[in-house]
């Protein structure tokens, strides 16, 4: 079921959170750069903050262990320490994994940051074989996080979003306000491009 967007309620929420201008939330998109699977090294993590869909406000770079543990604590501390944290209206992830098989508990992350956390993608993340991959990597204890992730819903304009810390309608409105060239919010799309460029010297894939 595609959520119905109550634009009036969403704009009231943005104003209450100090958002400048109607429909221009500050979203932090987070993505990882390319890495070698099972290498035991670190993955590059990039965060990009946009206001609306056309203004980049901030870029941050860090690293996290490939398939590492305690990714929630790591992300919560990193985001909380960013200078732009007080201006944020939501966090956007490209799914519920980062740096390989580090599984993000979006419900706990939303609670820790007191912010909406959205896991977005071009297809339903539940269609992925994540639980099988975790079992094969002897990381079966993380399957519980996957199973308690809120279900992903299609959003108007294409794509899917699983959300925590807000309603599905509000999450869909945040996605709509933040995207421009694709069905992914620009904060996430640009984070993906920068992360690839940091590692490879140039971004690849969809522009």
N, C-alpha and C. Protein backbone atom coordinates (compact mmCIF):
# COMPACT_ATOMS: atom_id res chain seq x y z
N UNK A 1 0.85 -1.21 0.00
CA UNK A 1 0.00 0.00 0.00
C UNK A 1 0.88 1.25 0.00
N UNK A 2 0.67 2.13 -0.96
CA UNK A 2 1.43 3.37 -1.03
C UNK A 2 0.88 4.38 -0.04
N UNK A 3 1.75 4.95 0.84
CA UNK A 3 1.25 5.88 1.85
C UNK A 3 0.74 7.17 1.23
N UNK A 4 -0.34 7.72 1.80
CA UNK A 4 -0.87 9.01 1.39
C UNK A 4 -0.13 10.10 2.15
N UNK A 5 0.33 11.12 1.43
CA UNK A 5 1.12 12.19 2.04
C UNK A 5 0.22 13.32 2.50
N UNK A 6 0.26 13.64 3.79
CA UNK A 6 -0.42 14.81 4.34
C UNK A 6 0.59 15.95 4.35
N UNK A 7 0.64 16.74 3.27
CA UNK A 7 1.66 17.77 3.13
C UNK A 7 1.55 18.83 4.22
N UNK A 8 0.33 19.16 4.63
CA UNK A 8 0.17 20.16 5.67
C UNK A 8 0.79 19.73 6.98
N UNK A 9 0.53 18.48 7.37
CA UNK A 9 1.10 17.97 8.62
C UNK A 9 2.62 17.89 8.54
N UNK A 10 3.13 17.51 7.39
CA UNK A 10 4.58 17.40 7.22
C UNK A 10 5.23 18.77 7.31
N UNK A 11 4.65 19.77 6.65
CA UNK A 11 5.24 21.10 6.70
C UNK A 11 5.20 21.66 8.11
N UNK A 12 4.16 21.36 8.87
CA UNK A 12 4.10 21.81 10.26
C UNK A 12 5.23 21.18 11.06
N UNK A 13 5.51 19.91 10.79
CA UNK A 13 6.59 19.22 11.48
C UNK A 13 7.94 19.84 11.13
N UNK A 14 8.15 20.15 9.83
CA UNK A 14 9.41 20.77 9.42
C UNK A 14 9.61 22.11 10.10
N UNK A 15 8.54 22.91 10.17
CA UNK A 15 8.66 24.21 10.83
C UNK A 15 8.98 24.05 12.31
N UNK A 16 8.34 23.06 12.95
CA UNK A 16 8.59 22.82 14.37
C UNK A 16 10.04 22.43 14.62
N UNK A 17 10.65 21.75 13.62
CA UNK A 17 12.06 21.34 13.74
C UNK A 17 13.02 22.42 13.24
N UNK A 18 12.49 23.58 12.86
CA UNK A 18 13.34 24.69 12.47
C UNK A 18 13.77 24.67 11.02
N UNK A 19 13.01 24.03 10.16
CA UNK A 19 13.37 23.95 8.75
C UNK A 19 13.11 25.27 8.06
N UNK A 20 14.11 25.81 7.32
CA UNK A 20 13.95 27.04 6.57
C UNK A 20 13.22 26.74 5.27
N UNK A 21 12.09 27.39 5.07
CA UNK A 21 11.39 27.26 3.80
C UNK A 21 10.49 26.04 3.78
N UNK A 22 9.40 26.17 3.07
CA UNK A 22 8.43 25.09 2.99
C UNK A 22 8.97 23.94 2.17
N UNK A 23 8.88 22.74 2.71
CA UNK A 23 9.24 21.55 1.96
C UNK A 23 10.72 21.38 1.68
N UNK A 24 11.61 21.96 2.51
CA UNK A 24 13.04 21.84 2.28
C UNK A 24 13.74 21.29 3.53
N UNK A 25 13.52 20.03 3.84
CA UNK A 25 14.14 19.46 5.03
C UNK A 25 15.64 19.24 4.83
N UNK A 26 16.37 19.25 5.93
CA UNK A 26 17.79 18.90 5.92
C UNK A 26 17.89 17.39 6.16
N UNK A 27 18.35 16.68 5.13
CA UNK A 27 18.50 15.23 5.22
C UNK A 27 19.96 14.84 5.16
N UNK A 28 20.35 13.92 6.01
CA UNK A 28 21.70 13.37 6.00
C UNK A 28 21.66 12.01 5.31
N UNK A 29 22.23 11.94 4.12
CA UNK A 29 22.34 10.68 3.40
C UNK A 29 23.68 10.02 3.70
N UNK A 30 23.66 8.73 3.98
CA UNK A 30 24.88 8.01 4.36
C UNK A 30 25.04 6.79 3.46
N UNK A 31 26.24 6.65 2.86
CA UNK A 31 26.52 5.48 2.04
C UNK A 31 27.99 5.10 2.19
N UNK A 32 28.29 3.85 1.82
CA UNK A 32 29.67 3.38 1.89
C UNK A 32 30.29 3.37 0.51
N UNK A 33 31.63 3.41 0.48
CA UNK A 33 32.36 3.30 -0.76
C UNK A 33 32.68 1.85 -1.07
N UNK A 34 33.23 1.58 -2.25
CA UNK A 34 33.60 0.21 -2.62
C UNK A 34 34.63 -0.37 -1.66
N UNK A 35 34.55 -1.66 -1.43
CA UNK A 35 35.50 -2.33 -0.53
C UNK A 35 35.62 -3.78 -0.96
N UNK A 36 36.65 -4.44 -0.46
CA UNK A 36 36.87 -5.85 -0.76
C UNK A 36 36.19 -6.70 0.30
N UNK A 37 35.27 -7.55 -0.13
CA UNK A 37 34.51 -8.39 0.80
C UNK A 37 35.44 -9.31 1.58
N UNK A 38 35.15 -9.43 2.88
CA UNK A 38 35.89 -10.31 3.79
C UNK A 38 37.38 -9.98 3.86
N UNK A 39 37.72 -8.73 3.60
CA UNK A 39 39.14 -8.36 3.62
C UNK A 39 39.66 -8.07 5.01
N UNK A 40 38.75 -7.85 5.94
CA UNK A 40 39.17 -7.51 7.30
C UNK A 40 39.59 -6.07 7.47
N UNK A 41 39.42 -5.26 6.43
CA UNK A 41 39.79 -3.85 6.52
C UNK A 41 38.61 -2.97 6.88
N UNK A 42 38.71 -1.71 6.49
CA UNK A 42 37.66 -0.73 6.75
C UNK A 42 37.00 -0.29 5.45
N UNK A 43 35.77 0.17 5.55
CA UNK A 43 35.07 0.76 4.42
C UNK A 43 34.95 2.26 4.65
N UNK A 44 35.06 3.01 3.56
CA UNK A 44 34.83 4.46 3.62
C UNK A 44 33.34 4.74 3.76
N UNK A 45 32.99 5.61 4.67
CA UNK A 45 31.60 6.01 4.90
C UNK A 45 31.50 7.51 4.66
N UNK A 46 30.53 7.90 3.83
CA UNK A 46 30.35 9.32 3.52
C UNK A 46 28.94 9.75 3.91
N UNK A 47 28.86 10.92 4.51
CA UNK A 47 27.58 11.53 4.81
C UNK A 47 27.45 12.86 4.10
N UNK A 48 26.30 13.08 3.47
CA UNK A 48 26.03 14.34 2.77
C UNK A 48 24.71 14.91 3.29
N UNK A 49 24.74 16.18 3.67
CA UNK A 49 23.52 16.85 4.12
C UNK A 49 23.05 17.78 3.02
N UNK A 50 21.79 17.63 2.64
CA UNK A 50 21.17 18.55 1.68
C UNK A 50 20.01 19.27 2.32
N UNK A 51 19.77 20.51 1.86
CA UNK A 51 18.53 21.21 2.17
C UNK A 51 17.66 21.11 0.93
N UNK A 52 16.51 20.48 1.06
CA UNK A 52 15.70 20.22 -0.12
C UNK A 52 16.42 19.25 -1.04
N UNK A 53 16.25 19.43 -2.35
CA UNK A 53 16.86 18.51 -3.30
C UNK A 53 18.00 19.13 -4.08
N UNK A 54 18.31 20.43 -3.81
CA UNK A 54 19.26 21.10 -4.70
C UNK A 54 20.35 21.90 -4.00
N UNK A 55 20.50 21.73 -2.70
CA UNK A 55 21.52 22.50 -1.98
C UNK A 55 22.28 21.58 -1.02
N UNK A 56 23.57 21.40 -1.28
CA UNK A 56 24.41 20.62 -0.38
C UNK A 56 24.92 21.53 0.72
N UNK A 57 24.68 21.13 1.96
CA UNK A 57 25.06 21.94 3.12
C UNK A 57 26.34 21.45 3.80
N UNK A 58 26.60 20.13 3.73
CA UNK A 58 27.73 19.60 4.49
C UNK A 58 28.11 18.23 3.95
N UNK A 59 29.40 17.90 4.06
CA UNK A 59 29.92 16.58 3.70
C UNK A 59 30.83 16.10 4.82
N UNK A 60 30.70 14.84 5.21
CA UNK A 60 31.53 14.26 6.25
C UNK A 60 32.01 12.88 5.80
N UNK A 61 33.21 12.52 6.20
CA UNK A 61 33.80 11.23 5.81
C UNK A 61 34.35 10.54 7.05
N UNK A 62 34.12 9.23 7.14
CA UNK A 62 34.68 8.43 8.22
C UNK A 62 34.94 7.03 7.69
N UNK A 63 35.31 6.11 8.58
CA UNK A 63 35.56 4.73 8.17
C UNK A 63 34.95 3.79 9.22
N UNK A 64 34.55 2.59 8.75
CA UNK A 64 33.99 1.59 9.65
C UNK A 64 34.44 0.22 9.19
N UNK A 65 34.66 -0.67 10.15
CA UNK A 65 35.15 -2.01 9.83
C UNK A 65 34.17 -2.77 8.94
N UNK A 66 34.69 -3.41 7.90
CA UNK A 66 33.85 -4.23 7.02
C UNK A 66 33.21 -5.35 7.84
N UNK A 67 31.90 -5.48 7.72
CA UNK A 67 31.10 -6.46 8.47
C UNK A 67 31.20 -6.23 9.98
N UNK A 68 31.56 -5.02 10.39
CA UNK A 68 31.84 -4.75 11.80
C UNK A 68 30.63 -4.83 12.71
N UNK A 69 30.92 -4.97 13.99
CA UNK A 69 29.88 -5.04 15.03
C UNK A 69 29.60 -3.63 15.56
N UNK A 70 28.47 -3.49 16.26
CA UNK A 70 28.09 -2.25 16.94
C UNK A 70 27.99 -1.06 16.00
N UNK A 71 27.44 -1.30 14.80
CA UNK A 71 27.33 -0.20 13.84
C UNK A 71 26.36 0.87 14.33
N UNK A 72 25.35 0.48 15.10
CA UNK A 72 24.41 1.48 15.61
C UNK A 72 25.10 2.48 16.52
N UNK A 73 25.91 1.97 17.45
CA UNK A 73 26.63 2.86 18.37
C UNK A 73 27.58 3.77 17.60
N UNK A 74 28.24 3.20 16.59
CA UNK A 74 29.16 3.98 15.77
C UNK A 74 28.43 5.11 15.04
N UNK A 75 27.34 4.78 14.36
CA UNK A 75 26.61 5.80 13.61
C UNK A 75 26.01 6.86 14.52
N UNK A 76 25.45 6.43 15.64
CA UNK A 76 24.83 7.38 16.56
C UNK A 76 25.87 8.38 17.08
N UNK A 77 27.05 7.89 17.45
CA UNK A 77 28.09 8.78 17.96
C UNK A 77 28.62 9.70 16.87
N UNK A 78 28.82 9.15 15.66
CA UNK A 78 29.35 9.96 14.56
C UNK A 78 28.38 11.06 14.19
N UNK A 79 27.11 10.71 14.01
CA UNK A 79 26.11 11.70 13.62
C UNK A 79 25.93 12.75 14.71
N UNK A 80 25.88 12.31 15.97
CA UNK A 80 25.69 13.24 17.08
C UNK A 80 26.83 14.25 17.16
N UNK A 81 28.02 13.86 16.70
CA UNK A 81 29.18 14.73 16.78
C UNK A 81 29.32 15.69 15.61
N UNK A 82 28.49 15.55 14.58
CA UNK A 82 28.57 16.46 13.44
C UNK A 82 28.07 17.85 13.81
N UNK A 83 28.74 18.86 13.30
CA UNK A 83 28.34 20.23 13.63
C UNK A 83 26.94 20.56 13.12
N UNK A 84 26.53 19.90 12.05
CA UNK A 84 25.22 20.20 11.47
C UNK A 84 24.10 19.40 12.12
N UNK A 85 24.43 18.56 13.09
CA UNK A 85 23.40 17.72 13.72
C UNK A 85 22.16 18.47 14.16
N UNK A 86 22.25 19.66 14.80
CA UNK A 86 21.02 20.34 15.25
C UNK A 86 20.06 20.72 14.13
N UNK A 87 20.57 20.82 12.90
CA UNK A 87 19.71 21.23 11.79
C UNK A 87 19.03 20.07 11.09
N UNK A 88 19.37 18.84 11.43
CA UNK A 88 18.88 17.69 10.69
C UNK A 88 17.40 17.41 10.96
N UNK A 89 16.72 16.96 9.89
CA UNK A 89 15.32 16.55 9.99
C UNK A 89 15.14 15.06 9.73
N UNK A 90 16.19 14.38 9.30
CA UNK A 90 16.09 12.95 9.06
C UNK A 90 17.39 12.37 8.55
N UNK A 91 17.53 11.05 8.71
CA UNK A 91 18.68 10.29 8.24
C UNK A 91 18.20 9.35 7.13
N UNK A 92 18.96 9.28 6.04
CA UNK A 92 18.59 8.42 4.92
C UNK A 92 19.71 7.43 4.65
N UNK A 93 19.39 6.16 4.72
CA UNK A 93 20.34 5.09 4.44
C UNK A 93 19.91 4.35 3.18
N UNK A 94 20.88 3.78 2.48
CA UNK A 94 20.56 3.00 1.28
C UNK A 94 20.32 1.55 1.64
N UNK A 95 19.32 1.29 2.46
CA UNK A 95 19.06 -0.06 2.97
C UNK A 95 19.43 -0.15 4.44
N UNK A 96 19.46 -1.36 4.96
CA UNK A 96 19.74 -1.54 6.39
C UNK A 96 21.12 -2.12 6.65
N UNK A 97 21.95 -2.24 5.61
CA UNK A 97 23.33 -2.69 5.82
C UNK A 97 24.28 -1.61 5.34
N UNK A 98 25.46 -1.60 5.94
CA UNK A 98 26.51 -0.68 5.54
C UNK A 98 27.84 -1.38 5.78
N UNK A 99 28.83 -1.06 4.98
CA UNK A 99 30.15 -1.70 5.12
C UNK A 99 30.02 -3.22 5.09
N UNK A 100 29.26 -3.69 4.13
CA UNK A 100 29.08 -5.14 4.01
C UNK A 100 27.88 -5.62 4.79
N UNK A 101 28.14 -6.41 5.84
CA UNK A 101 27.06 -7.03 6.60
C UNK A 101 26.89 -6.43 7.99
N UNK A 102 27.24 -5.17 8.14
CA UNK A 102 26.93 -4.45 9.37
C UNK A 102 25.47 -4.02 9.27
N UNK A 103 24.61 -4.60 10.07
CA UNK A 103 23.16 -4.39 9.96
C UNK A 103 22.73 -3.29 10.92
N UNK A 104 22.08 -2.27 10.36
CA UNK A 104 21.63 -1.13 11.15
C UNK A 104 20.23 -1.39 11.68
N UNK A 105 20.07 -1.24 12.98
CA UNK A 105 18.75 -1.30 13.61
C UNK A 105 18.16 0.10 13.52
N UNK A 106 17.32 0.35 12.51
CA UNK A 106 16.85 1.72 12.29
C UNK A 106 15.93 2.20 13.40
N UNK A 107 15.26 1.27 14.07
CA UNK A 107 14.40 1.67 15.19
C UNK A 107 15.25 2.21 16.34
N UNK A 108 16.31 1.50 16.67
CA UNK A 108 17.19 1.94 17.75
C UNK A 108 17.94 3.21 17.38
N UNK A 109 18.35 3.33 16.12
CA UNK A 109 19.08 4.53 15.69
C UNK A 109 18.17 5.75 15.76
N UNK A 110 16.92 5.59 15.34
CA UNK A 110 15.97 6.70 15.43
C UNK A 110 15.75 7.11 16.88
N UNK A 111 15.69 6.12 17.76
CA UNK A 111 15.51 6.42 19.18
C UNK A 111 16.73 7.12 19.76
N UNK A 112 17.91 6.67 19.38
CA UNK A 112 19.14 7.26 19.92
C UNK A 112 19.34 8.70 19.47
N UNK A 113 18.94 9.00 18.24
CA UNK A 113 19.15 10.34 17.69
C UNK A 113 17.94 11.25 17.81
N UNK A 114 16.79 10.67 18.19
CA UNK A 114 15.53 11.42 18.22
C UNK A 114 15.26 12.07 16.86
N UNK A 115 15.48 11.26 15.80
CA UNK A 115 15.26 11.70 14.43
C UNK A 115 14.63 10.58 13.62
N UNK A 116 13.86 10.91 12.58
CA UNK A 116 13.42 9.87 11.67
C UNK A 116 14.61 9.23 10.95
N UNK A 117 14.59 7.92 10.80
CA UNK A 117 15.61 7.20 10.05
C UNK A 117 14.91 6.43 8.94
N UNK A 118 15.34 6.64 7.71
CA UNK A 118 14.71 6.02 6.55
C UNK A 118 15.72 5.12 5.85
N UNK A 119 15.29 3.90 5.52
CA UNK A 119 16.09 3.00 4.69
C UNK A 119 15.40 2.94 3.34
N UNK A 120 16.03 3.50 2.32
CA UNK A 120 15.39 3.62 1.02
C UNK A 120 16.14 2.82 -0.04
N UNK A 121 15.44 2.49 -1.10
CA UNK A 121 16.05 1.75 -2.20
C UNK A 121 15.15 1.75 -3.41
N UNK A 122 15.72 1.33 -4.52
CA UNK A 122 14.94 1.26 -5.76
C UNK A 122 14.05 0.03 -5.79
N UNK A 123 14.28 -0.91 -4.86
CA UNK A 123 13.43 -2.09 -4.77
C UNK A 123 13.24 -2.43 -3.30
N UNK A 124 12.29 -3.30 -3.03
CA UNK A 124 11.96 -3.68 -1.66
C UNK A 124 13.14 -4.43 -1.04
N UNK A 125 13.73 -3.89 0.04
CA UNK A 125 14.87 -4.57 0.65
C UNK A 125 14.54 -5.96 1.19
N UNK A 126 13.26 -6.23 1.42
CA UNK A 126 12.88 -7.56 1.91
C UNK A 126 13.07 -8.62 0.83
N UNK A 127 13.22 -8.18 -0.43
CA UNK A 127 13.42 -9.14 -1.52
C UNK A 127 14.86 -9.63 -1.58
N UNK A 128 15.75 -8.99 -0.84
CA UNK A 128 17.16 -9.38 -0.84
C UNK A 128 17.36 -10.62 0.03
N UNK A 129 18.43 -11.34 -0.24
CA UNK A 129 18.71 -12.57 0.51
C UNK A 129 19.68 -12.28 1.65
N UNK A 130 19.33 -11.27 2.45
CA UNK A 130 20.23 -10.83 3.51
C UNK A 130 20.38 -11.87 4.60
N UNK A 131 19.28 -12.50 5.01
CA UNK A 131 19.38 -13.47 6.10
C UNK A 131 20.28 -14.64 5.71
N UNK A 132 20.21 -15.07 4.45
CA UNK A 132 21.07 -16.15 3.99
C UNK A 132 22.54 -15.73 4.00
N UNK A 133 22.81 -14.49 3.59
CA UNK A 133 24.18 -13.98 3.59
C UNK A 133 24.74 -13.90 5.00
N UNK A 134 23.92 -13.48 5.94
CA UNK A 134 24.37 -13.40 7.33
C UNK A 134 24.69 -14.79 7.88
N UNK A 135 23.84 -15.76 7.56
CA UNK A 135 24.08 -17.13 8.03
C UNK A 135 25.36 -17.68 7.43
N UNK A 136 25.59 -17.41 6.14
CA UNK A 136 26.79 -17.91 5.47
C UNK A 136 28.06 -17.30 6.04
N UNK A 137 27.95 -16.07 6.56
CA UNK A 137 29.11 -15.38 7.13
C UNK A 137 29.23 -15.61 8.63
N UNK A 138 28.46 -16.55 9.17
CA UNK A 138 28.47 -16.85 10.61
C UNK A 138 28.08 -15.62 11.44
N UNK A 139 27.15 -14.84 10.90
CA UNK A 139 26.66 -13.66 11.60
C UNK A 139 25.15 -13.78 11.82
N UNK A 140 24.72 -14.99 12.11
CA UNK A 140 23.30 -15.26 12.27
C UNK A 140 22.62 -14.49 13.38
N UNK A 141 23.40 -14.01 14.36
CA UNK A 141 22.80 -13.27 15.46
C UNK A 141 22.22 -11.93 14.97
N UNK A 142 22.62 -11.49 13.79
CA UNK A 142 22.11 -10.22 13.26
C UNK A 142 20.78 -10.38 12.52
N UNK A 143 20.36 -11.60 12.31
CA UNK A 143 19.10 -11.83 11.62
C UNK A 143 17.94 -11.22 12.40
N UNK A 144 18.03 -11.20 13.71
CA UNK A 144 16.96 -10.62 14.54
C UNK A 144 16.74 -9.15 14.21
N UNK A 145 17.82 -8.44 13.89
CA UNK A 145 17.69 -7.02 13.53
C UNK A 145 16.92 -6.90 12.21
N UNK A 146 17.25 -7.77 11.26
CA UNK A 146 16.56 -7.75 9.97
C UNK A 146 15.07 -7.98 10.18
N UNK A 147 14.73 -8.94 11.01
CA UNK A 147 13.33 -9.32 11.19
C UNK A 147 12.52 -8.27 11.92
N UNK A 148 13.16 -7.45 12.75
CA UNK A 148 12.39 -6.41 13.44
C UNK A 148 12.43 -5.06 12.72
N UNK A 149 13.04 -5.03 11.56
CA UNK A 149 13.00 -3.82 10.74
C UNK A 149 11.58 -3.60 10.24
N UNK A 150 11.05 -2.40 10.36
CA UNK A 150 9.69 -2.14 9.86
C UNK A 150 9.60 -2.48 8.38
N UNK A 151 8.43 -2.95 7.93
CA UNK A 151 8.28 -3.32 6.52
C UNK A 151 8.47 -2.11 5.60
N UNK A 152 9.07 -2.37 4.44
CA UNK A 152 9.24 -1.31 3.45
C UNK A 152 7.95 -1.13 2.66
N UNK A 153 7.65 0.12 2.34
CA UNK A 153 6.46 0.45 1.57
C UNK A 153 6.86 1.21 0.32
N UNK A 154 6.13 1.02 -0.78
CA UNK A 154 6.42 1.82 -1.99
C UNK A 154 6.06 3.27 -1.74
N UNK A 155 6.82 4.16 -2.34
CA UNK A 155 6.54 5.59 -2.20
C UNK A 155 6.16 6.17 -3.56
N UNK A 156 5.33 7.22 -3.57
CA UNK A 156 4.95 7.84 -4.83
C UNK A 156 6.19 8.27 -5.62
N UNK A 157 6.20 7.99 -6.91
CA UNK A 157 7.34 8.34 -7.73
C UNK A 157 8.35 7.23 -7.89
N UNK A 158 8.15 6.12 -7.17
CA UNK A 158 9.05 4.98 -7.31
C UNK A 158 9.92 4.77 -6.10
N UNK A 159 10.37 3.55 -5.92
CA UNK A 159 11.23 3.21 -4.80
C UNK A 159 10.46 2.74 -3.59
N UNK A 160 11.21 2.34 -2.57
CA UNK A 160 10.64 1.83 -1.33
C UNK A 160 11.31 2.50 -0.15
N UNK A 161 10.59 2.58 0.97
CA UNK A 161 11.16 3.14 2.19
C UNK A 161 10.66 2.36 3.40
N UNK A 162 11.59 1.98 4.26
CA UNK A 162 11.27 1.48 5.60
C UNK A 162 11.66 2.59 6.56
N UNK A 163 10.83 2.89 7.53
CA UNK A 163 11.11 4.05 8.37
C UNK A 163 10.93 3.73 9.84
N UNK A 164 11.62 4.52 10.64
CA UNK A 164 11.49 4.46 12.10
C UNK A 164 11.55 5.88 12.63
N UNK A 165 10.85 6.13 13.70
CA UNK A 165 10.85 7.46 14.30
C UNK A 165 9.90 8.44 13.65
N UNK A 166 9.06 7.96 12.72
CA UNK A 166 8.08 8.81 12.06
C UNK A 166 7.06 7.93 11.39
N UNK A 167 6.03 8.54 10.80
CA UNK A 167 5.02 7.78 10.09
C UNK A 167 5.47 7.48 8.66
N UNK A 168 4.83 6.51 8.03
CA UNK A 168 5.17 6.19 6.64
C UNK A 168 4.85 7.36 5.72
N UNK A 169 3.78 8.10 6.01
CA UNK A 169 3.43 9.25 5.17
C UNK A 169 4.47 10.35 5.29
N UNK A 170 4.93 10.60 6.49
CA UNK A 170 5.98 11.62 6.69
C UNK A 170 7.27 11.17 6.02
N UNK A 171 7.61 9.89 6.14
CA UNK A 171 8.81 9.37 5.49
C UNK A 171 8.73 9.55 3.98
N UNK A 172 7.56 9.25 3.40
CA UNK A 172 7.38 9.41 1.96
C UNK A 172 7.54 10.86 1.55
N UNK A 173 7.06 11.78 2.39
CA UNK A 173 7.18 13.20 2.08
C UNK A 173 8.63 13.66 2.17
N UNK A 174 9.37 13.15 3.13
CA UNK A 174 10.79 13.48 3.22
C UNK A 174 11.54 13.01 1.98
N UNK A 175 11.23 11.79 1.55
CA UNK A 175 11.86 11.26 0.34
C UNK A 175 11.51 12.14 -0.86
N UNK A 176 10.24 12.49 -1.00
CA UNK A 176 9.80 13.31 -2.13
C UNK A 176 10.48 14.67 -2.13
N UNK A 177 10.62 15.26 -0.95
CA UNK A 177 11.23 16.59 -0.86
C UNK A 177 12.72 16.57 -1.15
N UNK A 178 13.34 15.41 -0.96
CA UNK A 178 14.79 15.34 -1.09
C UNK A 178 15.30 14.80 -2.41
N UNK A 179 14.42 14.38 -3.32
CA UNK A 179 14.92 13.78 -4.55
C UNK A 179 14.68 14.68 -5.76
N UNK A 180 15.50 14.41 -6.80
CA UNK A 180 15.45 15.26 -7.98
C UNK A 180 15.75 14.46 -9.25
N UNK A 181 16.96 13.90 -9.36
CA UNK A 181 17.36 13.18 -10.57
C UNK A 181 16.90 11.74 -10.61
N UNK A 182 16.65 11.15 -9.44
CA UNK A 182 16.28 9.74 -9.40
C UNK A 182 15.23 9.55 -8.32
N UNK A 183 14.86 8.29 -8.05
CA UNK A 183 13.89 8.06 -6.97
C UNK A 183 14.57 7.91 -5.63
N UNK A 184 15.87 8.21 -5.56
CA UNK A 184 16.58 8.28 -4.29
C UNK A 184 16.78 9.75 -3.90
N UNK A 185 16.69 10.08 -2.62
CA UNK A 185 16.98 11.45 -2.20
C UNK A 185 18.39 11.85 -2.62
N UNK A 186 18.56 13.11 -3.00
CA UNK A 186 19.86 13.59 -3.46
C UNK A 186 20.94 13.42 -2.41
N UNK A 187 20.61 13.55 -1.14
CA UNK A 187 21.62 13.37 -0.09
C UNK A 187 22.26 12.00 -0.18
N UNK A 188 21.45 10.97 -0.42
CA UNK A 188 21.97 9.61 -0.53
C UNK A 188 22.68 9.40 -1.87
N UNK A 189 22.10 9.91 -2.94
CA UNK A 189 22.71 9.72 -4.26
C UNK A 189 24.10 10.37 -4.32
N UNK A 190 24.22 11.58 -3.78
CA UNK A 190 25.50 12.28 -3.80
C UNK A 190 26.50 11.60 -2.86
N UNK A 191 26.03 11.12 -1.70
CA UNK A 191 26.93 10.40 -0.80
C UNK A 191 27.51 9.18 -1.48
N UNK A 192 26.69 8.48 -2.27
CA UNK A 192 27.16 7.31 -3.01
C UNK A 192 28.25 7.71 -4.02
N UNK A 193 28.04 8.80 -4.75
CA UNK A 193 29.01 9.25 -5.73
C UNK A 193 30.33 9.65 -5.07
N UNK A 194 30.24 10.39 -3.98
CA UNK A 194 31.46 10.86 -3.30
C UNK A 194 32.22 9.68 -2.71
N UNK A 195 31.51 8.74 -2.09
CA UNK A 195 32.18 7.59 -1.49
C UNK A 195 32.94 6.79 -2.54
N UNK A 196 32.34 6.62 -3.71
CA UNK A 196 33.02 5.90 -4.79
C UNK A 196 34.24 6.67 -5.27
N UNK A 197 34.13 7.99 -5.37
CA UNK A 197 35.24 8.80 -5.83
C UNK A 197 36.39 8.80 -4.83
N UNK A 198 36.09 8.82 -3.54
CA UNK A 198 37.13 8.79 -2.52
C UNK A 198 37.97 7.52 -2.64
N UNK A 199 37.31 6.41 -2.91
CA UNK A 199 38.01 5.12 -2.97
C UNK A 199 38.68 4.90 -4.32
N UNK A 200 37.98 5.20 -5.42
CA UNK A 200 38.46 4.86 -6.76
C UNK A 200 39.08 6.03 -7.52
N UNK A 201 38.88 7.24 -7.01
CA UNK A 201 39.35 8.42 -7.73
C UNK A 201 38.31 8.99 -8.64
N UNK A 202 37.24 8.25 -8.91
CA UNK A 202 36.16 8.70 -9.77
C UNK A 202 34.93 7.87 -9.47
N UNK A 203 33.75 8.50 -9.52
CA UNK A 203 32.53 7.75 -9.28
C UNK A 203 32.16 6.96 -10.51
N UNK A 204 31.39 5.89 -10.29
CA UNK A 204 30.90 5.06 -11.38
C UNK A 204 29.42 4.78 -11.16
N UNK A 205 28.82 4.11 -12.12
CA UNK A 205 27.42 3.73 -11.97
C UNK A 205 26.48 4.82 -12.41
N UNK A 206 25.26 4.80 -11.90
CA UNK A 206 24.23 5.74 -12.34
C UNK A 206 24.62 7.15 -11.94
N UNK A 207 24.50 8.11 -12.87
CA UNK A 207 24.81 9.51 -12.54
C UNK A 207 23.72 10.14 -11.70
